[in-house]
Amino acid sequence: MIKAILLAGGMTVALAGASSALTIGPATGTCQAGATVPGGIECVVGDRRNIGNVNLGSADNAFYSLGRGGGVATFEIAPNFTGPISVVEVTFGASYPDESALVEVSLGGIDWIGVGSATNSGNSNGSPLGGTSGFTVNGIFDMIRFTDTSTATRGDGFDLDAFSVAAVPLPAGGLLLLGGLGALGFVRRRKFA
């Protein structure tokens, strides 16, 4: 079974169709407890500042608020990933403004490449609302970064619930090599038993 370990939670989720396991490694965010985003806009208190709420896989309505005015969350993912990329934003409450975030990818944290803007569609009826944004990206990366670009003067910016990426497929030759090494180990072990 292919598994991906979720950040800071010790939970696992199956990624269907992936050819290797993906894990979220170290993550950083500007809206962690006690932090403020550029311009001195304080992040909302409580669980919204827990960057461990972000899932690699499916949404669960637990989220991390980036903080409006340029708040950032950066995640390392191993092994390398590629597109497509899907981003889930969640908004609760009445009359929340539209929220957005710039999505960027990088290999080794050098030369960040913008892949698009993730958005919700606003919320004026008081019911849970969010948006799922999808992006096509070519290349191999190991880091993804979300930067709040919301223009509203209230709220706590883009609420990142989950994102998904595709594992870089292991080449067919690599699978054959791994299978051959496993068979060789089995034969060797039987020979000495």
C-alpha atoms as a PDB file:
ATOM      1  CA  MET A   1       0.000   0.000   0.000  1.00  0.00           C
ATOM      2  CA  ILE A   2       1.309   3.483  -0.850  1.00  0.00           C
ATOM      3  CA  LYS A   3       1.162   5.905   2.099  1.00  0.00           C
ATOM      4  CA  ALA A   4       1.878   9.561   2.726  1.00  0.00           C
ATOM      5  CA  ILE A   5       2.628  10.769   6.256  1.00  0.00           C
ATOM      6  CA  LEU A   6       0.797  13.943   7.217  1.00  0.00           C
ATOM      7  CA  LEU A   7       2.686  16.833   8.757  1.00  0.00           C
ATOM      8  CA  ALA A   8       3.035  16.760  12.534  1.00  0.00           C
ATOM      9  CA  GLY A   9       0.152  14.357  12.950  1.00  0.00           C
ATOM     10  CA  GLY A  10       1.610  10.898  12.552  1.00  0.00           C
ATOM     11  CA  MET A  11      -1.456   9.981  10.489  1.00  0.00           C
ATOM     12  CA  THR A  12      -1.286   8.315   7.109  1.00  0.00           C
ATOM     13  CA  VAL A  13      -3.424   8.516   4.011  1.00  0.00           C
ATOM     14  CA  ALA A  14      -3.372   6.314   0.939  1.00  0.00           C
ATOM     15  CA  LEU A  15      -2.548   7.995  -2.332  1.00  0.00           C
ATOM     16  CA  ALA A  16      -4.153   6.021  -5.106  1.00  0.00           C
ATOM     17  CA  GLY A  17      -2.080   5.614  -8.216  1.00  0.00           C
ATOM     18  CA  ALA A  18       1.117   6.957  -6.712  1.00  0.00           C
ATOM     19  CA  SER A  19       4.261   5.058  -7.509  1.00  0.00           C
ATOM     20  CA  SER A  20       6.137   6.099  -4.376  1.00  0.00           C
ATOM     21  CA  ALA A  21       5.234   7.349  -0.904  1.00  0.00           C
ATOM     22  CA  LEU A  22       5.060  11.097  -0.380  1.00  0.00           C
ATOM     23  CA  THR A  23       5.732  12.725   2.995  1.00  0.00           C
ATOM     24  CA  ILE A  24       5.464  16.304   4.155  1.00  0.00           C
ATOM     25  CA  GLY A  25       8.716  17.210   5.856  1.00  0.00           C
ATOM     26  CA  PRO A  26       9.639  20.411   7.670  1.00  0.00           C
ATOM     27  CA  ALA A  27       7.097  23.197   7.297  1.00  0.00           C
ATOM     28  CA  THR A  28       7.315  26.862   8.179  1.00  0.00           C
ATOM     29  CA  GLY A  29       4.645  29.530   8.420  1.00  0.00           C
ATOM     30  CA  THR A  30       4.455  33.167   9.406  1.00  0.00           C
ATOM     31  CA  CYS A  31       1.192  32.752  11.314  1.00  0.00           C
ATOM     32  CA  GLN A  32       2.300  30.317  13.955  1.00  0.00           C
ATOM     33  CA  ALA A  33       1.468  31.156  17.567  1.00  0.00           C
ATOM     34  CA  GLY A  34       2.487  34.680  18.490  1.00  0.00           C
ATOM     35  CA  ALA A  35       3.524  35.670  14.964  1.00  0.00           C
ATOM     36  CA  THR A  36       2.268  38.547  12.901  1.00  0.00           C
ATOM     37  CA  VAL A  37       2.330  38.861   9.152  1.00  0.00           C
ATOM     38  CA  PRO A  38       3.978  41.757   7.293  1.00  0.00           C
ATOM     39  CA  GLY A  39       2.274  45.036   8.102  1.00  0.00           C
ATOM     40  CA  GLY A  40       1.563  43.969  11.686  1.00  0.00           C
ATOM     41  CA  ILE A  41      -1.721  42.173  10.954  1.00  0.00           C
ATOM     42  CA  GLU A  42      -2.052  39.594  13.712  1.00  0.00           C
ATOM     43  CA  CYS A  43      -3.101  36.077  12.825  1.00  0.00           C
ATOM     44  CA  VAL A  44      -6.259  34.686  14.390  1.00  0.00           C
ATOM     45  CA  VAL A  45      -5.629  32.895  17.671  1.00  0.00           C
ATOM     46  CA  GLY A  46      -6.200  29.217  18.310  1.00  0.00           C
ATOM     47  CA  ASP A  47      -6.015  26.152  16.131  1.00  0.00           C
ATOM     48  CA  ARG A  48      -5.971  28.180  12.895  1.00  0.00           C
ATOM     49  CA  ARG A  49      -2.294  28.870  13.607  1.00  0.00           C
ATOM     50  CA  ASN A  50      -1.413  25.166  13.733  1.00  0.00           C
ATOM     51  CA  ILE A  51       0.464  24.441  10.503  1.00  0.00           C
ATOM     52  CA  GLY A  52       0.005  20.736  11.283  1.00  0.00           C
ATOM     53  CA  ASN A  53      -3.651  21.119  10.244  1.00  0.00           C
ATOM     54  CA  VAL A  54      -2.640  21.080   6.576  1.00  0.00           C
ATOM     55  CA  ASN A  55      -3.221  17.693   4.954  1.00  0.00           C
ATOM     56  CA  LEU A  56      -1.421  16.110   2.054  1.00  0.00           C
ATOM     57  CA  GLY A  57      -4.389  14.523   0.346  1.00  0.00           C
ATOM     58  CA  SER A  58      -8.026  15.182   1.133  1.00  0.00           C
ATOM     59  CA  ALA A  59      -9.720  18.068   2.942  1.00  0.00           C
ATOM     60  CA  ASP A  60     -11.000  17.678   6.507  1.00  0.00           C
ATOM     61  CA  ASN A  61     -12.025  21.281   7.409  1.00  0.00           C
ATOM     62  CA  ALA A  62      -9.085  21.698   9.824  1.00  0.00           C
ATOM     63  CA  PHE A  63      -6.940  24.422   8.322  1.00  0.00           C
ATOM     64  CA  TYR A  64      -4.015  26.791   8.711  1.00  0.00           C
ATOM     65  CA  SER A  65      -4.612  30.509   8.165  1.00  0.00           C
ATOM     66  CA  LEU A  66      -1.829  32.105   6.154  1.00  0.00           C
ATOM     67  CA  GLY A  67      -2.573  35.575   7.568  1.00  0.00           C
ATOM     68  CA  ARG A  68      -3.599  38.351   5.218  1.00  0.00           C
ATOM     69  CA  GLY A  69      -1.071  40.760   3.891  1.00  0.00           C
ATOM     70  CA  GLY A  70       1.544  38.274   2.715  1.00  0.00           C
ATOM     71  CA  GLY A  71       1.505  35.434   5.232  1.00  0.00           C
ATOM     72  CA  VAL A  72       3.460  32.418   3.968  1.00  0.00           C
ATOM     73  CA  ALA A  73       3.489  28.638   4.491  1.00  0.00           C
ATOM     74  CA  THR A  74       6.258  26.513   2.979  1.00  0.00           C
ATOM     75  CA  PHE A  75       6.345  22.706   2.878  1.00  0.00           C
ATOM     76  CA  GLU A  76       9.095  20.261   1.924  1.00  0.00           C
ATOM     77  CA  ILE A  77       7.868  17.079   0.262  1.00  0.00           C
ATOM     78  CA  ALA A  78       9.850  13.878  -0.185  1.00  0.00           C
ATOM     79  CA  PRO A  79      10.523  12.222  -2.476  1.00  0.00           C
ATOM     80  CA  ASN A  80      10.152  14.689  -5.311  1.00  0.00           C
ATOM     81  CA  PHE A  81       6.754  15.555  -6.740  1.00  0.00           C
ATOM     82  CA  THR A  82       5.240  16.892  -9.934  1.00  0.00           C
ATOM     83  CA  GLY A  83       1.809  18.064 -11.085  1.00  0.00           C
ATOM     84  CA  PRO A  84      -1.063  18.135 -11.148  1.00  0.00           C
ATOM     85  CA  ILE A  85      -1.440  20.177  -7.965  1.00  0.00           C
ATOM     86  CA  SER A  86      -4.756  20.649  -6.188  1.00  0.00           C
ATOM     87  CA  VAL A  87      -5.270  23.170  -3.354  1.00  0.00           C
ATOM     88  CA  VAL A  88      -8.279  23.267  -0.989  1.00  0.00           C
ATOM     89  CA  GLU A  89      -9.245  26.485   0.840  1.00  0.00           C
ATOM     90  CA  VAL A  90     -12.018  26.506   3.442  1.00  0.00           C
ATOM     91  CA  THR A  91     -14.052  29.439   4.786  1.00  0.00           C
ATOM     92  CA  PHE A  92     -16.653  29.434   7.562  1.00  0.00           C
ATOM     93  CA  GLY A  93     -18.961  32.202   8.766  1.00  0.00           C
ATOM     94  CA  ALA A  94     -21.002  34.952   7.211  1.00  0.00           C
ATOM     95  CA  SER A  95     -19.887  37.457   4.593  1.00  0.00           C
ATOM     96  CA  TYR A  96     -16.251  36.488   4.357  1.00  0.00           C
ATOM     97  CA  PRO A  97     -14.430  38.194   1.528  1.00  0.00           C
ATOM     98  CA  ASP A  98     -12.702  36.458  -1.314  1.00  0.00           C
ATOM     99  CA  GLU A  99      -9.346  35.029  -0.295  1.00  0.00           C
ATOM    100  CA  SER A 100      -6.437  33.991  -2.493  1.00  0.00           C
ATOM    101  CA  ALA A 101      -2.892  32.669  -2.338  1.00  0.00           C
ATOM    102  CA  LEU A 102      -0.017  32.496  -4.785  1.00  0.00           C
ATOM    103  CA  VAL A 103       1.170  28.890  -5.230  1.00  0.00           C
ATOM    104  CA  GLU A 104       4.868  28.371  -6.024  1.00  0.00           C
ATOM    105  CA  VAL A 105       7.114  25.306  -6.375  1.00  0.00           C
ATOM    106  CA  SER A 106      10.869  24.841  -6.180  1.00  0.00           C
ATOM    107  CA  LEU A 107      13.611  22.253  -6.213  1.00  0.00           C
ATOM    108  CA  GLY A 108      15.875  22.881  -3.230  1.00  0.00           C
ATOM    109  CA  GLY A 109      14.358  26.281  -2.395  1.00  0.00           C
ATOM    110  CA  ILE A 110      16.098  27.959  -5.320  1.00  0.00           C
ATOM    111  CA  ASP A 111      14.292  29.682  -8.183  1.00  0.00           C
ATOM    112  CA  TRP A 112      10.673  29.565  -7.068  1.00  0.00           C
ATOM    113  CA  ILE A 113       8.207  29.107  -9.947  1.00  0.00           C
ATOM    114  CA  GLY A 114       4.686  30.528  -9.676  1.00  0.00           C
ATOM    115  CA  VAL A 115       2.077  28.015 -10.830  1.00  0.00           C
ATOM    116  CA  GLY A 116      -1.073  30.082 -10.224  1.00  0.00           C
ATOM    117  CA  SER A 117      -3.417  31.650  -7.712  1.00  0.00           C
ATOM    118  CA  ALA A 118      -5.618  29.495  -5.468  1.00  0.00           C
ATOM    119  CA  THR A 119      -8.914  31.138  -4.471  1.00  0.00           C
ATOM    120  CA  ASN A 120     -12.217  30.696  -2.760  1.00  0.00           C
ATOM    121  CA  SER A 121     -15.308  32.406  -4.089  1.00  0.00           C
ATOM    122  CA  GLY A 122     -16.290  34.374  -0.978  1.00  0.00           C
ATOM    123  CA  ASN A 123     -19.038  33.485   1.476  1.00  0.00           C
ATOM    124  CA  SER A 124     -22.179  35.516   1.983  1.00  0.00           C
ATOM    125  CA  ASN A 125     -24.644  32.947   3.300  1.00  0.00           C
ATOM    126  CA  GLY A 126     -23.014  31.807   6.539  1.00  0.00           C
ATOM    127  CA  SER A 127     -22.451  28.237   5.397  1.00  0.00           C
ATOM    128  CA  PRO A 128     -19.097  26.526   5.023  1.00  0.00           C
ATOM    129  CA  LEU A 129     -17.532  27.442   1.739  1.00  0.00           C
ATOM    130  CA  GLY A 130     -14.229  26.932   0.167  1.00  0.00           C
ATOM    131  CA  GLY A 131     -12.585  26.565  -3.141  1.00  0.00           C
ATOM    132  CA  THR A 132     -10.527  23.921  -4.828  1.00  0.00           C
ATOM    133  CA  SER A 133      -7.973  25.192  -7.295  1.00  0.00           C
ATOM    134  CA  GLY A 134      -6.101  22.952  -9.693  1.00  0.00           C
ATOM    135  CA  PHE A 135      -2.846  23.563 -11.507  1.00  0.00           C
ATOM    136  CA  THR A 136      -0.908  21.809 -14.217  1.00  0.00           C
ATOM    137  CA  VAL A 137       2.838  21.946 -13.677  1.00  0.00           C
ATOM    138  CA  ASN A 138       5.684  20.207 -15.430  1.00  0.00           C
ATOM    139  CA  GLY A 139       8.979  19.452 -13.767  1.00  0.00           C
ATOM    140  CA  ILE A 140      10.301  17.842 -10.613  1.00  0.00           C
ATOM    141  CA  PHE A 141      10.115  19.686  -7.282  1.00  0.00           C
ATOM    142  CA  ASP A 142      10.558  19.106  -3.550  1.00  0.00           C
ATOM    143  CA  MET A 143       9.065  22.294  -2.039  1.00  0.00           C
ATOM    144  CA  ILE A 144       5.743  24.099  -2.291  1.00  0.00           C
ATOM    145  CA  ARG A 145       4.952  27.573  -0.940  1.00  0.00           C
ATOM    146  CA  PHE A 146       1.664  29.412  -0.411  1.00  0.00           C
ATOM    147  CA  THR A 147       1.655  33.226  -0.018  1.00  0.00           C
ATOM    148  CA  ASP A 148      -1.533  35.081   0.921  1.00  0.00           C
ATOM    149  CA  THR A 149      -2.613  37.588  -1.733  1.00  0.00           C
ATOM    150  CA  SER A 150      -6.049  38.414  -0.271  1.00  0.00           C
ATOM    151  CA  THR A 151      -6.948  42.085  -0.661  1.00  0.00           C
ATOM    152  CA  ALA A 152      -9.636  42.209   2.049  1.00  0.00           C
ATOM    153  CA  THR A 153      -9.041  44.314   5.145  1.00  0.00           C
ATOM    154  CA  ARG A 154     -10.641  41.794   7.504  1.00  0.00           C
ATOM    155  CA  GLY A 155     -10.410  38.086   8.114  1.00  0.00           C
ATOM    156  CA  ASP A 156      -7.226  36.077   8.528  1.00  0.00           C
ATOM    157  CA  GLY A 157      -6.356  35.472   4.903  1.00  0.00           C
ATOM    158  CA  PHE A 158      -6.280  32.278   2.880  1.00  0.00           C
ATOM    159  CA  ASP A 159      -7.246  29.212   4.955  1.00  0.00           C
ATOM    160  CA  LEU A 160      -5.193  26.285   3.660  1.00  0.00           C
ATOM    161  CA  ASP A 161      -6.939  22.979   4.407  1.00  0.00           C
ATOM    162  CA  ALA A 162      -5.180  20.526   2.099  1.00  0.00           C
ATOM    163  CA  PHE A 163      -3.178  20.162  -1.057  1.00  0.00           C
ATOM    164  CA  SER A 164      -2.216  17.259  -3.229  1.00  0.00           C
ATOM    165  CA  VAL A 165       0.617  16.665  -5.648  1.00  0.00           C
ATOM    166  CA  ALA A 166       1.676  13.703  -7.771  1.00  0.00           C
ATOM    167  CA  ALA A 167       4.639  11.514  -6.887  1.00  0.00           C
ATOM    168  CA  VAL A 168       7.361  11.404  -9.505  1.00  0.00           C
ATOM    169  CA  PRO A 169       6.981   7.945 -11.050  1.00  0.00           C
ATOM    170  CA  LEU A 170       9.819   5.516 -10.490  1.00  0.00           C
ATOM    171  CA  PRO A 171      11.228   4.594 -13.922  1.00  0.00           C
ATOM    172  CA  ALA A 172      10.320   1.092 -15.143  1.00  0.00           C
ATOM    173  CA  GLY A 173      14.011   0.163 -15.095  1.00  0.00           C
ATOM    174  CA  GLY A 174      14.160   1.144 -11.432  1.00  0.00           C
ATOM    175  CA  LEU A 175      11.232  -1.150 -10.628  1.00  0.00           C
ATOM    176  CA  LEU A 176      12.922  -4.020 -12.449  1.00  0.00           C
ATOM    177  CA  LEU A 177      16.167  -3.355 -10.586  1.00  0.00           C
ATOM    178  CA  LEU A 178      14.402  -3.326  -7.223  1.00  0.00           C
ATOM    179  CA  GLY A 179      12.579  -6.547  -8.097  1.00  0.00           C
ATOM    180  CA  GLY A 180      15.820  -8.195  -9.204  1.00  0.00           C
ATOM    181  CA  LEU A 181      17.641  -7.159  -6.041  1.00  0.00           C
ATOM    182  CA  GLY A 182      14.788  -8.494  -3.935  1.00  0.00           C
ATOM    183  CA  ALA A 183      14.862 -11.832  -5.773  1.00  0.00           C
ATOM    184  CA  LEU A 184      18.647 -12.013  -5.427  1.00  0.00           C
ATOM    185  CA  GLY A 185      18.361 -11.401  -1.679  1.00  0.00           C
ATOM    186  CA  PHE A 186      15.713 -14.109  -1.376  1.00  0.00           C
ATOM    187  CA  VAL A 187      17.850 -16.641  -3.268  1.00  0.00           C
ATOM    188  CA  ARG A 188      20.924 -15.763  -1.217  1.00  0.00           C
ATOM    189  CA  ARG A 189      19.013 -16.067   2.034  1.00  0.00           C
ATOM    190  CA  ARG A 190      17.642 -19.481   1.026  1.00  0.00           C
ATOM    191  CA  LYS A 191      21.124 -20.657   0.021  1.00  0.00           C
ATOM    192  CA  PHE A 192      22.494 -19.979   3.521  1.00  0.00           C
ATOM    193  CA  ALA A 193      19.495 -21.341   5.388  1.00  0.00           C
END
